[in-house]
C-alpha atoms as a PDB file:
ATOM      1  CA  MET A   1    -113.810  91.816  40.951  1.00  0.00           C
ATOM      2  CA  CYS A   2    -110.772  89.605  40.607  1.00  0.00           C
ATOM      3  CA  GLY A   3    -107.875  91.423  42.266  1.00  0.00           C
ATOM      4  CA  ARG A   4    -105.511  88.595  43.242  1.00  0.00           C
ATOM      5  CA  TYR A   5    -104.943  85.087  41.968  1.00  0.00           C
ATOM      6  CA  ALA A   6    -102.445  82.235  42.121  1.00  0.00           C
ATOM      7  CA  SER A   7    -100.465  80.926  39.155  1.00  0.00           C
ATOM      8  CA  SER A   8     -97.849  78.301  39.949  1.00  0.00           C
ATOM      9  CA  ARG A   9     -97.765  76.072  36.864  1.00  0.00           C
ATOM     10  CA  ARG A  10     -94.621  75.779  34.763  1.00  0.00           C
ATOM     11  CA  PRO A  11     -94.701  77.037  31.162  1.00  0.00           C
ATOM     12  CA  GLU A  12     -94.144  73.522  29.828  1.00  0.00           C
ATOM     13  CA  ASP A  13     -97.230  72.352  31.714  1.00  0.00           C
ATOM     14  CA  LEU A  14     -99.301  75.207  30.277  1.00  0.00           C
ATOM     15  CA  ILE A  15     -97.990  74.490  26.785  1.00  0.00           C
ATOM     16  CA  GLU A  16     -99.284  70.942  27.071  1.00  0.00           C
ATOM     17  CA  GLU A  17    -102.550  71.854  28.811  1.00  0.00           C
ATOM     18  CA  PHE A  18    -103.525  74.549  26.293  1.00  0.00           C
ATOM     19  CA  GLU A  19    -102.042  72.855  23.205  1.00  0.00           C
ATOM     20  CA  VAL A  20     -99.711  75.777  22.573  1.00  0.00           C
ATOM     21  CA  VAL A  21     -97.797  75.678  19.293  1.00  0.00           C
ATOM     22  CA  GLU A  22     -95.394  78.557  19.879  1.00  0.00           C
ATOM     23  CA  SER A  23     -93.847  79.666  23.178  1.00  0.00           C
ATOM     24  CA  ARG A  24     -92.809  83.323  23.407  1.00  0.00           C
ATOM     25  CA  VAL A  25     -91.614  82.965  27.004  1.00  0.00           C
ATOM     26  CA  ALA A  26     -87.978  84.058  27.175  1.00  0.00           C
ATOM     27  CA  GLU A  27     -87.589  83.429  30.913  1.00  0.00           C
ATOM     28  CA  PRO A  28     -90.059  81.315  32.920  1.00  0.00           C
ATOM     29  CA  LEU A  29     -91.941  83.165  35.644  1.00  0.00           C
ATOM     30  CA  ALA A  30     -91.466  81.987  39.201  1.00  0.00           C
ATOM     31  CA  PRO A  31     -94.508  80.306  40.793  1.00  0.00           C
ATOM     32  CA  ASP A  32     -96.692  83.158  42.047  1.00  0.00           C
ATOM     33  CA  PHE A  33     -99.228  82.573  44.814  1.00  0.00           C
ATOM     34  CA  ASN A  34    -100.089  86.260  45.122  1.00  0.00           C
ATOM     35  CA  VAL A  35    -100.522  87.640  41.611  1.00  0.00           C
ATOM     36  CA  ALA A  36    -101.420  91.316  41.908  1.00  0.00           C
ATOM     37  CA  PRO A  37    -102.155  94.063  39.367  1.00  0.00           C
ATOM     38  CA  THR A  38     -99.196  95.159  37.176  1.00  0.00           C
ATOM     39  CA  LYS A  39     -97.387  91.842  37.717  1.00  0.00           C
ATOM     40  CA  GLU A  40     -96.264  89.653  34.841  1.00  0.00           C
ATOM     41  CA  VAL A  41     -98.605  86.745  34.097  1.00  0.00           C
ATOM     42  CA  TYR A  42     -98.922  83.958  31.554  1.00  0.00           C
ATOM     43  CA  ALA A  43    -101.461  84.338  28.761  1.00  0.00           C
ATOM     44  CA  VAL A  44    -102.544  82.026  25.946  1.00  0.00           C
ATOM     45  CA  LEU A  45    -103.493  83.790  22.722  1.00  0.00           C
ATOM     46  CA  GLU A  46    -103.481  83.536  18.946  1.00  0.00           C
ATOM     47  CA  ARG A  47    -101.989  86.197  16.693  1.00  0.00           C
ATOM     48  CA  PRO A  48    -103.289  87.026  13.190  1.00  0.00           C
ATOM     49  CA  PRO A  49    -101.226  85.080  10.621  1.00  0.00           C
ATOM     50  CA  ARG A  50     -98.837  86.997   8.366  1.00  0.00           C
ATOM     51  CA  THR A  51     -98.961  84.315   5.687  1.00  0.00           C
ATOM     52  CA  GLU A  52    -101.499  81.808   4.446  1.00  0.00           C
ATOM     53  CA  GLN A  53    -100.792  79.677   7.515  1.00  0.00           C
ATOM     54  CA  PRO A  54    -103.443  79.604  10.274  1.00  0.00           C
ATOM     55  CA  ALA A  55    -102.967  81.616  13.458  1.00  0.00           C
ATOM     56  CA  ALA A  56    -100.595  79.898  15.886  1.00  0.00           C
ATOM     57  CA  ARG A  57    -101.544  79.445  19.532  1.00  0.00           C
ATOM     58  CA  GLN A  58     -98.905  81.153  21.689  1.00  0.00           C
ATOM     59  CA  LEU A  59     -97.890  81.309  25.321  1.00  0.00           C
ATOM     60  CA  ARG A  60     -96.719  84.800  26.276  1.00  0.00           C
ATOM     61  CA  VAL A  61     -95.900  86.867  29.352  1.00  0.00           C
ATOM     62  CA  LEU A  62     -98.099  89.963  29.742  1.00  0.00           C
ATOM     63  CA  ASN A  63     -98.591  92.604  32.423  1.00  0.00           C
ATOM     64  CA  TRP A  64    -101.892  92.449  34.301  1.00  0.00           C
ATOM     65  CA  GLY A  65    -103.741  95.737  33.811  1.00  0.00           C
ATOM     66  CA  LEU A  66    -104.866  96.546  30.278  1.00  0.00           C
ATOM     67  CA  VAL A  67    -103.457  99.641  28.577  1.00  0.00           C
ATOM     68  CA  PRO A  68    -105.541 100.571  25.497  1.00  0.00           C
ATOM     69  CA  SER A  69    -103.557 101.302  22.354  1.00  0.00           C
ATOM     70  CA  TRP A  70    -104.789 104.922  22.414  1.00  0.00           C
ATOM     71  CA  ALA A  71    -103.787 105.602  26.041  1.00  0.00           C
ATOM     72  CA  LYS A  72    -101.529 108.578  26.672  1.00  0.00           C
ATOM     73  CA  ASP A  73    -100.291 107.271  30.029  1.00  0.00           C
ATOM     74  CA  PRO A  74     -99.698 103.547  30.670  1.00  0.00           C
ATOM     75  CA  SER A  75    -100.583 103.972  34.352  1.00  0.00           C
ATOM     76  CA  ILE A  76    -104.233 103.683  33.260  1.00  0.00           C
ATOM     77  CA  GLY A  77    -103.630  99.938  33.338  1.00  0.00           C
ATOM     78  CA  ASN A  78    -103.516  99.995  37.141  1.00  0.00           C
ATOM     79  CA  ARG A  79    -107.282 100.589  37.116  1.00  0.00           C
ATOM     80  CA  MET A  80    -108.132  98.191  34.294  1.00  0.00           C
ATOM     81  CA  ILE A  81    -107.476  94.746  35.748  1.00  0.00           C
ATOM     82  CA  ASN A  82    -111.096  93.654  35.255  1.00  0.00           C
ATOM     83  CA  ALA A  83    -113.632  94.123  32.444  1.00  0.00           C
ATOM     84  CA  ARG A  84    -117.303  93.499  33.169  1.00  0.00           C
ATOM     85  CA  MET A  85    -119.005  91.051  30.820  1.00  0.00           C
ATOM     86  CA  GLU A  86    -122.101  93.258  30.787  1.00  0.00           C
ATOM     87  CA  THR A  87    -120.243  96.165  29.136  1.00  0.00           C
ATOM     88  CA  VAL A  88    -117.041  94.684  27.686  1.00  0.00           C
ATOM     89  CA  ALA A  89    -118.302  94.825  24.089  1.00  0.00           C
ATOM     90  CA  GLU A  90    -119.343  98.480  24.407  1.00  0.00           C
ATOM     91  CA  LYS A  91    -116.777 100.346  26.513  1.00  0.00           C
ATOM     92  CA  PRO A  92    -114.132 102.134  24.414  1.00  0.00           C
ATOM     93  CA  SER A  93    -111.386 100.799  26.678  1.00  0.00           C
ATOM     94  CA  TYR A  94    -112.223  97.174  25.872  1.00  0.00           C
ATOM     95  CA  ARG A  95    -114.361  97.160  22.719  1.00  0.00           C
ATOM     96  CA  LYS A  96    -111.539  96.793  20.193  1.00  0.00           C
ATOM     97  CA  ALA A  97    -109.697  94.139  22.177  1.00  0.00           C
ATOM     98  CA  PHE A  98    -112.919  92.178  22.680  1.00  0.00           C
ATOM     99  CA  ALA A  99    -113.409  92.080  18.927  1.00  0.00           C
ATOM    100  CA  VAL A 100    -109.996  90.682  17.950  1.00  0.00           C
ATOM    101  CA  ARG A 101    -107.606  90.335  20.919  1.00  0.00           C
ATOM    102  CA  ARG A 102    -108.988  87.726  23.272  1.00  0.00           C
ATOM    103  CA  CYS A 103    -106.905  85.468  25.491  1.00  0.00           C
ATOM    104  CA  LEU A 104    -106.962  82.903  28.279  1.00  0.00           C
ATOM    105  CA  LEU A 105    -105.295  83.618  31.605  1.00  0.00           C
ATOM    106  CA  PRO A 106    -104.357  80.368  33.372  1.00  0.00           C
ATOM    107  CA  ALA A 107    -104.748  80.305  37.158  1.00  0.00           C
ATOM    108  CA  ASP A 108    -104.695  77.823  40.018  1.00  0.00           C
ATOM    109  CA  GLY A 109    -107.460  79.821  41.656  1.00  0.00           C
ATOM    110  CA  TYR A 110    -108.293  83.335  42.824  1.00  0.00           C
ATOM    111  CA  PHE A 111    -108.840  85.225  46.087  1.00  0.00           C
ATOM    112  CA  GLU A 112    -111.856  87.123  47.339  1.00  0.00           C
ATOM    113  CA  TRP A 113    -112.519  88.862  50.666  1.00  0.00           C
ATOM    114  CA  TYR A 114    -115.646  88.316  52.761  1.00  0.00           C
ATOM    115  CA  PRO A 115    -116.728  91.046  55.208  1.00  0.00           C
ATOM    116  CA  THR A 116    -117.229  89.447  58.631  1.00  0.00           C
ATOM    117  CA  SER A 117    -119.252  90.662  61.619  1.00  0.00           C
ATOM    118  CA  GLU A 118    -116.041  91.548  63.458  1.00  0.00           C
ATOM    119  CA  LEU A 119    -115.042  95.226  63.322  1.00  0.00           C
ATOM    120  CA  THR A 120    -111.648  96.851  62.854  1.00  0.00           C
ATOM    121  CA  ALA A 121    -110.286  99.717  64.955  1.00  0.00           C
ATOM    122  CA  LYS A 122    -111.846 102.046  62.371  1.00  0.00           C
ATOM    123  CA  ASN A 123    -115.241 100.428  62.955  1.00  0.00           C
ATOM    124  CA  LYS A 124    -115.274  98.717  59.570  1.00  0.00           C
ATOM    125  CA  PRO A 125    -115.970  95.019  58.996  1.00  0.00           C
ATOM    126  CA  LYS A 126    -112.862  92.840  59.047  1.00  0.00           C
ATOM    127  CA  LYS A 127    -112.463  90.972  55.777  1.00  0.00           C
ATOM    128  CA  GLN A 128    -111.586  87.300  55.637  1.00  0.00           C
ATOM    129  CA  PRO A 129    -109.701  86.163  52.501  1.00  0.00           C
ATOM    130  CA  PHE A 130    -110.913  83.041  50.710  1.00  0.00           C
ATOM    131  CA  PHE A 131    -109.148  81.011  48.042  1.00  0.00           C
ATOM    132  CA  ILE A 132    -111.482  79.787  45.285  1.00  0.00           C
ATOM    133  CA  HIS A 133    -110.275  77.019  42.998  1.00  0.00           C
ATOM    134  CA  PRO A 134    -111.430  73.969  41.018  1.00  0.00           C
ATOM    135  CA  LYS A 135    -112.320  71.036  43.233  1.00  0.00           C
ATOM    136  CA  ASP A 136    -110.488  68.678  40.898  1.00  0.00           C
ATOM    137  CA  GLY A 137    -107.240  70.642  41.097  1.00  0.00           C
ATOM    138  CA  GLY A 138    -107.386  71.549  37.405  1.00  0.00           C
ATOM    139  CA  VAL A 139    -106.366  74.842  35.871  1.00  0.00           C
ATOM    140  CA  LEU A 140    -108.773  77.770  35.568  1.00  0.00           C
ATOM    141  CA  ALA A 141    -108.922  79.204  32.046  1.00  0.00           C
ATOM    142  CA  MET A 142    -110.041  82.733  32.857  1.00  0.00           C
ATOM    143  CA  ALA A 143    -111.421  84.756  29.967  1.00  0.00           C
ATOM    144  CA  GLY A 144    -109.236  87.735  29.199  1.00  0.00           C
ATOM    145  CA  LEU A 145    -108.406  90.446  26.693  1.00  0.00           C
ATOM    146  CA  TYR A 146    -104.997  91.745  25.697  1.00  0.00           C
ATOM    147  CA  GLU A 147    -103.672  94.929  24.148  1.00  0.00           C
ATOM    148  CA  ILE A 148    -100.381  96.096  22.664  1.00  0.00           C
ATOM    149  CA  TRP A 149     -99.383  99.646  23.641  1.00  0.00           C
ATOM    150  CA  LYS A 150     -96.602 101.478  21.794  1.00  0.00           C
ATOM    151  CA  ASP A 151     -94.423 103.561  24.092  1.00  0.00           C
ATOM    152  CA  PRO A 152     -93.834 106.946  22.373  1.00  0.00           C
ATOM    153  CA  THR A 153     -90.794 107.619  24.572  1.00  0.00           C
ATOM    154  CA  ARG A 154     -88.746 104.711  23.167  1.00  0.00           C
ATOM    155  CA  ASN A 155     -86.816 104.305  19.942  1.00  0.00           C
ATOM    156  CA  GLU A 156     -88.155 102.065  17.188  1.00  0.00           C
ATOM    157  CA  ASP A 157     -85.374  99.518  17.778  1.00  0.00           C
ATOM    158  CA  ASP A 158     -85.942  99.344  21.548  1.00  0.00           C
ATOM    159  CA  PRO A 159     -87.136  95.847  22.542  1.00  0.00           C
ATOM    160  CA  ARG A 160     -89.362  97.538  25.156  1.00  0.00           C
ATOM    161  CA  LEU A 161     -91.156  99.626  22.510  1.00  0.00           C
ATOM    162  CA  PHE A 162     -94.348  97.597  22.797  1.00  0.00           C
ATOM    163  CA  ARG A 163     -96.037  96.814  26.102  1.00  0.00           C
ATOM    164  CA  TRP A 164     -98.333  93.767  26.192  1.00  0.00           C
ATOM    165  CA  THR A 165    -101.066  93.980  28.814  1.00  0.00           C
ATOM    166  CA  CYS A 166    -104.230  92.094  29.765  1.00  0.00           C
ATOM    167  CA  THR A 167    -107.424  92.161  31.792  1.00  0.00           C
ATOM    168  CA  VAL A 168    -109.751  89.530  33.318  1.00  0.00           C
ATOM    169  CA  ILE A 169    -113.425  89.468  32.293  1.00  0.00           C
ATOM    170  CA  THR A 170    -115.819  89.122  35.249  1.00  0.00           C
ATOM    171  CA  THR A 171    -119.489  88.322  35.763  1.00  0.00           C
ATOM    172  CA  ASP A 172    -122.007  87.862  38.585  1.00  0.00           C
ATOM    173  CA  ALA A 173    -120.885  85.156  40.979  1.00  0.00           C
ATOM    174  CA  GLU A 174    -122.809  81.905  41.077  1.00  0.00           C
ATOM    175  CA  ASP A 175    -125.006  81.286  44.135  1.00  0.00           C
ATOM    176  CA  ASP A 176    -122.492  79.035  45.894  1.00  0.00           C
ATOM    177  CA  LEU A 177    -119.827  81.764  45.808  1.00  0.00           C
ATOM    178  CA  GLY A 178    -121.953  84.921  45.723  1.00  0.00           C
ATOM    179  CA  HIS A 179    -122.079  85.106  49.513  1.00  0.00           C
ATOM    180  CA  ILE A 180    -118.311  85.733  49.509  1.00  0.00           C
ATOM    181  CA  HIS A 181    -118.224  88.292  46.694  1.00  0.00           C
ATOM    182  CA  ASP A 182    -120.756  89.306  44.062  1.00  0.00           C
ATOM    183  CA  ARG A 183    -118.330  89.045  41.107  1.00  0.00           C
ATOM    184  CA  MET A 184    -116.162  86.262  39.751  1.00  0.00           C
ATOM    185  CA  PRO A 185    -113.888  85.658  36.739  1.00  0.00           C
ATOM    186  CA  LEU A 186    -115.524  84.215  33.655  1.00  0.00           C
ATOM    187  CA  MET A 187    -114.287  80.849  32.450  1.00  0.00           C
ATOM    188  CA  VAL A 188    -113.959  79.561  28.899  1.00  0.00           C
ATOM    189  CA  PRO A 189    -114.773  75.828  28.590  1.00  0.00           C
ATOM    190  CA  ARG A 190    -112.112  73.765  26.836  1.00  0.00           C
ATOM    191  CA  GLN A 191    -114.349  72.992  23.856  1.00  0.00           C
ATOM    192  CA  ARG A 192    -114.673  76.748  23.187  1.00  0.00           C
ATOM    193  CA  TRP A 193    -111.018  77.742  23.485  1.00  0.00           C
ATOM    194  CA  SER A 194    -110.401  77.769  19.741  1.00  0.00           C
ATOM    195  CA  ASP A 195    -113.402  79.993  19.010  1.00  0.00           C
ATOM    196  CA  TRP A 196    -112.519  82.371  21.848  1.00  0.00           C
ATOM    197  CA  LEU A 197    -108.866  82.699  20.874  1.00  0.00           C
ATOM    198  CA  SER A 198    -109.482  83.130  17.154  1.00  0.00           C
ATOM    199  CA  PRO A 199    -108.263  86.586  16.047  1.00  0.00           C
ATOM    200  CA  GLU A 200    -110.991  86.682  13.421  1.00  0.00           C
ATOM    201  CA  PRO A 201    -113.863  89.107  14.168  1.00  0.00           C
ATOM    202  CA  SER A 202    -117.154  87.464  15.152  1.00  0.00           C
ATOM    203  CA  PRO A 203    -120.605  88.807  16.015  1.00  0.00           C
ATOM    204  CA  THR A 204    -120.695  90.165  19.564  1.00  0.00           C
ATOM    205  CA  ASP A 205    -123.531  87.867  20.637  1.00  0.00           C
ATOM    206  CA  ASP A 206    -121.577  84.834  19.415  1.00  0.00           C
ATOM    207  CA  LEU A 207    -118.528  85.865  21.419  1.00  0.00           C
ATOM    208  CA  LEU A 208    -120.515  86.525  24.571  1.00  0.00           C
ATOM    209  CA  GLY A 209    -122.115  83.112  24.136  1.00  0.00           C
ATOM    210  CA  LEU A 210    -118.702  81.478  24.490  1.00  0.00           C
ATOM    211  CA  LEU A 211    -118.371  82.729  28.060  1.00  0.00           C
ATOM    212  CA  GLU A 212    -119.918  81.201  31.136  1.00  0.00           C
ATOM    213  CA  PRO A 213    -119.481  81.183  34.895  1.00  0.00           C
ATOM    214  CA  ALA A 214    -117.934  78.050  36.293  1.00  0.00           C
ATOM    215  CA  ALA A 215    -120.499  75.254  36.512  1.00  0.00           C
ATOM    216  CA  PRO A 216    -122.178  75.219  39.946  1.00  0.00           C
ATOM    217  CA  GLY A 217    -120.269  72.941  42.259  1.00  0.00           C
ATOM    218  CA  ARG A 218    -117.082  72.929  40.185  1.00  0.00           C
ATOM    219  CA  LEU A 219    -115.308  75.467  42.388  1.00  0.00           C
ATOM    220  CA  GLU A 220    -114.734  75.337  46.116  1.00  0.00           C
ATOM    221  CA  ALA A 221    -113.783  78.110  48.517  1.00  0.00           C
ATOM    222  CA  PHE A 222    -111.987  77.975  51.840  1.00  0.00           C
ATOM    223  CA  PRO A 223    -110.608  80.641  54.186  1.00  0.00           C
ATOM    224  CA  VAL A 224    -106.872  81.362  54.121  1.00  0.00           C
ATOM    225  CA  ALA A 225    -104.505  83.407  56.261  1.00  0.00           C
ATOM    226  CA  ASN A 226    -104.340  87.178  56.011  1.00  0.00           C
ATOM    227  CA  LEU A 227    -100.848  86.804  54.572  1.00  0.00           C
ATOM    228  CA  VAL A 228    -102.329  87.307  51.109  1.00  0.00           C
ATOM    229  CA  ASN A 229    -103.315  90.846  52.062  1.00  0.00           C
ATOM    230  CA  ASN A 230     -99.685  91.922  51.640  1.00  0.00           C
ATOM    231  CA  VAL A 231     -98.436  91.554  48.074  1.00  0.00           C
ATOM    232  CA  ARG A 232     -94.887  91.044  49.372  1.00  0.00           C
ATOM    233  CA  ASN A 233     -95.949  87.710  50.834  1.00  0.00           C
ATOM    234  CA  ASN A 234     -95.658  84.922  48.298  1.00  0.00           C
ATOM    235  CA  GLY A 235     -95.543  81.169  48.788  1.00  0.00           C
ATOM    236  CA  PRO A 236     -97.723  78.051  48.803  1.00  0.00           C
ATOM    237  CA  GLU A 237     -98.708  78.738  52.427  1.00  0.00           C
ATOM    238  CA  LEU A 238    -100.970  81.520  51.083  1.00  0.00           C
ATOM    239  CA  ILE A 239    -103.376  78.915  49.713  1.00  0.00           C
ATOM    240  CA  ASP A 240    -103.312  76.598  52.739  1.00  0.00           C
ATOM    241  CA  PRO A 241    -106.828  76.345  54.221  1.00  0.00           C
ATOM    242  CA  LEU A 242    -107.376  77.659  57.711  1.00  0.00           C
ATOM    243  CA  PRO A 243    -109.043  75.414  60.290  1.00  0.00           C
ATOM    244  CA  LEU A 244    -112.777  76.033  60.107  1.00  0.00           C
ATOM    245  CA  ASP A 245    -112.921  77.749  63.487  1.00  0.00           C
ATOM    246  CA  GLU A 246    -110.308  80.296  62.306  1.00  0.00           C
ATOM    247  CA  GLY A 247    -112.035  81.196  59.061  1.00  0.00           C
ATOM    248  CA  THR A 248    -115.438  82.125  60.364  1.00  0.00           C
END
C-alpha cells in the first residue's frame, strides 16, 4: 500500500509541470514531507465542460481518503486511501470514479516499511522506513481517483457542502522494490496524462492500459530515520538518507 508520501512542490511549479490551465487553489499548502491519510493534498484533474469548450486541466486541493458519493458517513475515507489496480474497475467504491473521475497526485516520493530481523519488545519484527523516489529528482505522477461527496448536514449555500476526496491506485511492486514492500503506487507516463485525465468514459481495458509501474531502475530507495513514523514530525530531514550501516 501507499500510506505516506512527500509533497513539497509549490503550486506554481505543479501548474507548469502538469500544464494546468486553471488553478482552484485558494491557499497554497505548506511543503509536506509526511503526507498521511485525511490530509489535504494537491491533485491534477479535468472537469466535464459546461459549454462547448473542452475540459480544462485544474489544480485542486483534495483530502486523501476517498469518500464515495453514496457514503452515509465520510469517515469511510479513512480506510480508502488506496485502490488496487486489479479490482479498481469492479469494486462499487471505486468503479464510478474510475470511469469518469481520474486524477494525478503529484509526489516527491513515498515511504514504505521493511520488516528487519531485529525484534521489538513485543517480539515482532522492527520495521525500517525507506523513502522511494525518482533517481532524477523529478515529480511522481501517481495515478488517482477523486470523488465529490455532498454533506447532508450542511445548507445548500455552505461553501463546505461538497467534500473533494481522492485515493492512490496501487499495483504489485517491481522486482527492485518488491523486497521492501509488495505494493507500490501506479504511475501515469507524461504522454498518457491527457487520456487518463479526460472525463470522457472509455473502455475499461483502455484505461487500465494507460497505467504502468515505474520503469525498472527509475526509482531508488534508501533508509530514513524513524521520525516519519510519527505524523506530527514534518520537515525535509524526514527524507534524508541514513548512513548505510544504520539502515540495515
